[in-house]
């Protein structure tokens, strides 16, 4: 009878370990999937940014005054640097090891990278609004309009205003989505401690 109890106890302990490992693996998968979608979207955005940056570099000779060159360089800087920062922080968060470090260490790494990513997102939102206006003369030159804002029609002003509103709404929506993803990931991490 004692042998049977020991055998049953051993099987229960083994099943408990297996169950904990399965829960850990499922949690890791859910955690990584949170950031995989985000990384893919940001990667596509980065490709678009680099495509536009390449277009600006190729046609840089069109910027014939210091004003246009300065606007083009600021736009290039924005298009080149922010995608690298965002993708880097997403990768750091996505690749945090959930099983190799302690729970406290994992949360600490997550919080640090989460705060950096959200700060970068908020900065890019504010910078995006500024770049919207800085890039207007750049795209005006790229599309062959030398007069920039001097010869715009009322319908073009309305289009610019509507585009600006759309950009603002997109920025607000993306910050909200980022915060939601971070909250879900943090919740998954807290489940590991339970």
Protein backbone atom coordinates (compact mmCIF):
# COMPACT_ATOMS: atom_id res chain seq x y z
CA UNK A 1 0.00 0.00 0.00
CA UNK A 2 2.85 2.38 0.87
CA UNK A 3 4.51 1.64 -2.48
CA UNK A 4 1.28 2.50 -4.29
CA UNK A 5 1.00 5.82 -2.37
CA UNK A 6 4.60 6.69 -3.24
CA UNK A 7 4.07 5.76 -6.88
CA UNK A 8 0.85 7.78 -7.03
CA UNK A 9 2.50 10.72 -5.26
CA UNK A 10 5.41 10.56 -7.69
CA UNK A 11 3.02 10.50 -10.67
CA UNK A 12 1.12 13.49 -9.29
CA UNK A 13 4.34 15.46 -8.82
CA UNK A 14 5.42 14.56 -12.36
CA UNK A 15 2.03 15.60 -13.75
CA UNK A 16 2.21 18.87 -11.81
CA UNK A 17 5.67 19.62 -13.24
CA UNK A 18 4.49 18.76 -16.76
CA UNK A 19 1.42 20.98 -16.31
CA UNK A 20 3.55 23.90 -15.06
CA UNK A 21 5.90 23.47 -18.05
CA UNK A 22 2.95 23.42 -20.45
CA UNK A 23 1.52 26.58 -18.88
CA UNK A 24 4.95 28.24 -19.13
CA UNK A 25 5.26 27.29 -22.81
CA UNK A 26 1.75 28.55 -23.60
CA UNK A 27 2.46 31.80 -21.78
CA UNK A 28 5.77 32.25 -23.66
CA UNK A 29 3.98 31.69 -26.96
CA UNK A 30 1.19 34.16 -26.12
CA UNK A 31 3.75 36.70 -24.95
CA UNK A 32 5.85 36.45 -28.12
CA UNK A 33 2.74 36.55 -30.33
CA UNK A 34 1.73 39.88 -28.72
CA UNK A 35 4.89 41.42 -30.13
CA UNK A 36 5.21 39.40 -33.33
CA UNK A 37 2.16 41.13 -34.87
CA UNK A 38 3.38 44.52 -33.69
CA UNK A 39 6.88 43.88 -35.06
CA UNK A 40 5.47 42.82 -38.45
CA UNK A 41 3.36 45.98 -38.74
CA UNK A 42 6.28 48.19 -37.71
CA UNK A 43 8.59 46.35 -40.14
CA UNK A 44 6.23 47.10 -43.04
CA UNK A 45 6.12 50.72 -41.87
CA UNK A 46 9.92 50.79 -41.73
CA UNK A 47 10.13 49.50 -45.32
CA UNK A 48 7.80 52.29 -46.43
CA UNK A 49 9.88 54.86 -44.51
CA UNK A 50 13.09 53.62 -46.13
CA UNK A 51 11.48 53.60 -49.56
CA UNK A 52 10.44 57.25 -49.14
CA UNK A 53 13.89 58.09 -47.72
CA UNK A 54 15.53 56.49 -50.76
CA UNK A 55 13.29 58.57 -53.03
CA UNK A 56 14.34 61.75 -51.20
CA UNK A 57 18.03 60.81 -51.45
CA UNK A 58 17.76 59.94 -55.15
CA UNK A 59 16.06 63.24 -55.97
CA UNK A 60 18.03 65.35 -53.49
CA UNK A 61 19.24 67.66 -56.27
CA UNK A 62 15.67 69.00 -56.54
CA UNK A 63 16.11 70.74 -53.19
CA UNK A 64 17.73 73.88 -54.53
CA UNK A 65 17.70 76.13 -51.46
CA UNK A 66 18.94 75.79 -47.89
CA UNK A 67 15.32 75.78 -46.66
CA UNK A 68 14.34 72.80 -48.85
CA UNK A 69 17.58 70.94 -48.04
CA UNK A 70 17.02 71.44 -44.30
CA UNK A 71 13.44 70.17 -44.59
CA UNK A 72 14.64 67.17 -46.62
CA UNK A 73 17.38 66.35 -44.11
CA UNK A 74 14.98 66.56 -41.15
CA UNK A 75 12.52 64.34 -42.97
CA UNK A 76 15.30 61.86 -43.79
CA UNK A 77 16.45 61.82 -40.18
CA UNK A 78 12.93 61.07 -38.98
CA UNK A 79 12.39 58.37 -41.61
CA UNK A 80 15.73 56.69 -40.90
CA UNK A 81 16.06 56.78 -37.11
CA UNK A 82 12.60 56.18 -35.64
CA UNK A 83 11.91 52.82 -37.34
CA UNK A 84 15.24 51.49 -36.05
CA UNK A 85 14.46 52.61 -32.49
CA UNK A 86 10.94 51.20 -32.48
CA UNK A 87 11.90 47.87 -34.02
CA UNK A 88 14.84 47.58 -31.63
CA UNK A 89 12.68 48.11 -28.54
CA UNK A 90 10.00 45.72 -29.80
CA UNK A 91 12.68 43.08 -30.39
CA UNK A 92 14.12 43.60 -26.92
CA UNK A 93 10.71 43.19 -25.31
CA UNK A 94 9.77 40.23 -27.49
CA UNK A 95 13.01 38.41 -26.74
CA UNK A 96 12.95 38.78 -22.95
CA UNK A 97 13.57 35.32 -21.55
CA UNK A 98 10.65 34.26 -19.40
CA UNK A 99 12.28 31.14 -18.00
CA UNK A 100 16.01 31.87 -17.73
CA UNK A 101 15.75 34.76 -15.28
CA UNK A 102 13.79 35.29 -12.10
CA UNK A 103 10.31 36.73 -12.20
CA UNK A 104 11.56 39.96 -10.62
CA UNK A 105 14.34 40.31 -13.22
CA UNK A 106 11.92 39.58 -16.07
CA UNK A 107 9.46 42.24 -14.86
CA UNK A 108 12.31 44.73 -14.42
CA UNK A 109 13.54 44.17 -18.00
CA UNK A 110 10.00 44.33 -19.33
CA UNK A 111 9.21 47.60 -17.51
CA UNK A 112 12.46 49.22 -18.67
CA UNK A 113 11.92 48.33 -22.33
CA UNK A 114 8.18 49.03 -22.18
CA UNK A 115 8.83 52.54 -20.90
CA UNK A 116 11.43 53.14 -23.60
CA UNK A 117 9.15 51.88 -26.34
CA UNK A 118 6.16 53.91 -25.16
CA UNK A 119 8.34 57.02 -24.78
CA UNK A 120 9.65 56.48 -28.32
CA UNK A 121 6.09 56.04 -29.59
CA UNK A 122 4.94 59.21 -27.87
CA UNK A 123 7.98 61.11 -29.18
CA UNK A 124 7.36 59.82 -32.68
CA UNK A 125 3.75 60.98 -32.40
CA UNK A 126 4.78 64.52 -31.55
CA UNK A 127 7.62 64.43 -34.06
CA UNK A 128 5.21 62.99 -36.65
CA UNK A 129 3.03 66.07 -36.36
CA UNK A 130 6.06 68.33 -36.83
CA UNK A 131 7.42 66.23 -39.69
CA UNK A 132 4.01 66.41 -41.36
CA UNK A 133 4.58 70.13 -41.84
CA UNK A 134 8.33 69.91 -42.46
CA UNK A 135 7.86 67.27 -45.15
CA UNK A 136 5.20 69.21 -47.07
CA UNK A 137 7.75 71.38 -48.93
CA UNK A 138 9.86 68.26 -49.53
CA UNK A 139 7.02 66.38 -51.21
CA UNK A 140 5.97 69.52 -53.02
CA UNK A 141 9.43 69.64 -54.64
CA UNK A 142 9.47 65.88 -55.30
CA UNK A 143 6.15 66.14 -57.13
CA UNK A 144 7.46 69.04 -59.20
CA UNK A 145 5.58 71.95 -57.64
CA UNK A 146 8.10 74.78 -57.30
CA UNK A 147 5.68 77.30 -55.81
CA UNK A 148 4.96 75.17 -52.75
CA UNK A 149 2.12 76.86 -50.82
CA UNK A 150 1.83 79.99 -52.92
CA UNK A 151 -0.40 78.49 -55.58
CA UNK A 152 -2.56 76.06 -53.61
CA UNK A 153 -6.28 75.99 -54.23
CA UNK A 154 -8.88 75.84 -51.47
CA UNK A 155 -9.50 72.13 -52.17
CA UNK A 156 -5.79 71.44 -51.60
CA UNK A 157 -5.88 73.27 -48.26
CA UNK A 158 -8.89 71.17 -47.28
CA UNK A 159 -7.05 68.02 -48.35
CA UNK A 160 -4.03 69.01 -46.24
CA UNK A 161 -6.25 69.70 -43.22
CA UNK A 162 -8.07 66.37 -43.59
CA UNK A 163 -4.76 64.55 -44.00
CA UNK A 164 -3.45 66.24 -40.87
CA UNK A 165 -6.53 65.14 -38.92
CA UNK A 166 -6.10 61.58 -40.25
CA UNK A 167 -2.44 61.60 -39.15
CA UNK A 168 -3.44 62.77 -35.66
CA UNK A 169 -6.10 60.08 -35.39
CA UNK A 170 -3.64 57.43 -36.55
CA UNK A 171 -1.09 58.57 -33.96
CA UNK A 172 -3.68 58.47 -31.15
CA UNK A 173 -4.93 55.07 -32.29
CA UNK A 174 -1.42 53.59 -32.45
CA UNK A 175 -0.46 54.88 -28.98
CA UNK A 176 -3.68 53.36 -27.61
CA UNK A 177 -2.92 50.03 -29.34
CA UNK A 178 0.64 50.01 -28.00
CA UNK A 179 -0.58 50.63 -24.46
CA UNK A 180 -3.13 47.81 -24.84
CA UNK A 181 -0.51 45.36 -26.08
CA UNK A 182 1.80 46.33 -23.22
CA UNK A 183 -1.00 45.86 -20.67
CA UNK A 184 -1.81 42.41 -22.09
CA UNK A 185 1.85 41.39 -22.04
CA UNK A 186 2.23 42.64 -18.48
CA UNK A 187 -0.84 40.64 -17.48
CA UNK A 188 0.69 37.51 -18.99
CA UNK A 189 3.87 38.11 -17.02
CA UNK A 190 1.91 38.56 -13.80
CA UNK A 191 0.17 35.22 -14.43
CA UNK A 192 3.60 33.58 -14.32
CA UNK A 193 4.03 34.69 -10.72
CA UNK A 194 0.76 33.08 -9.64
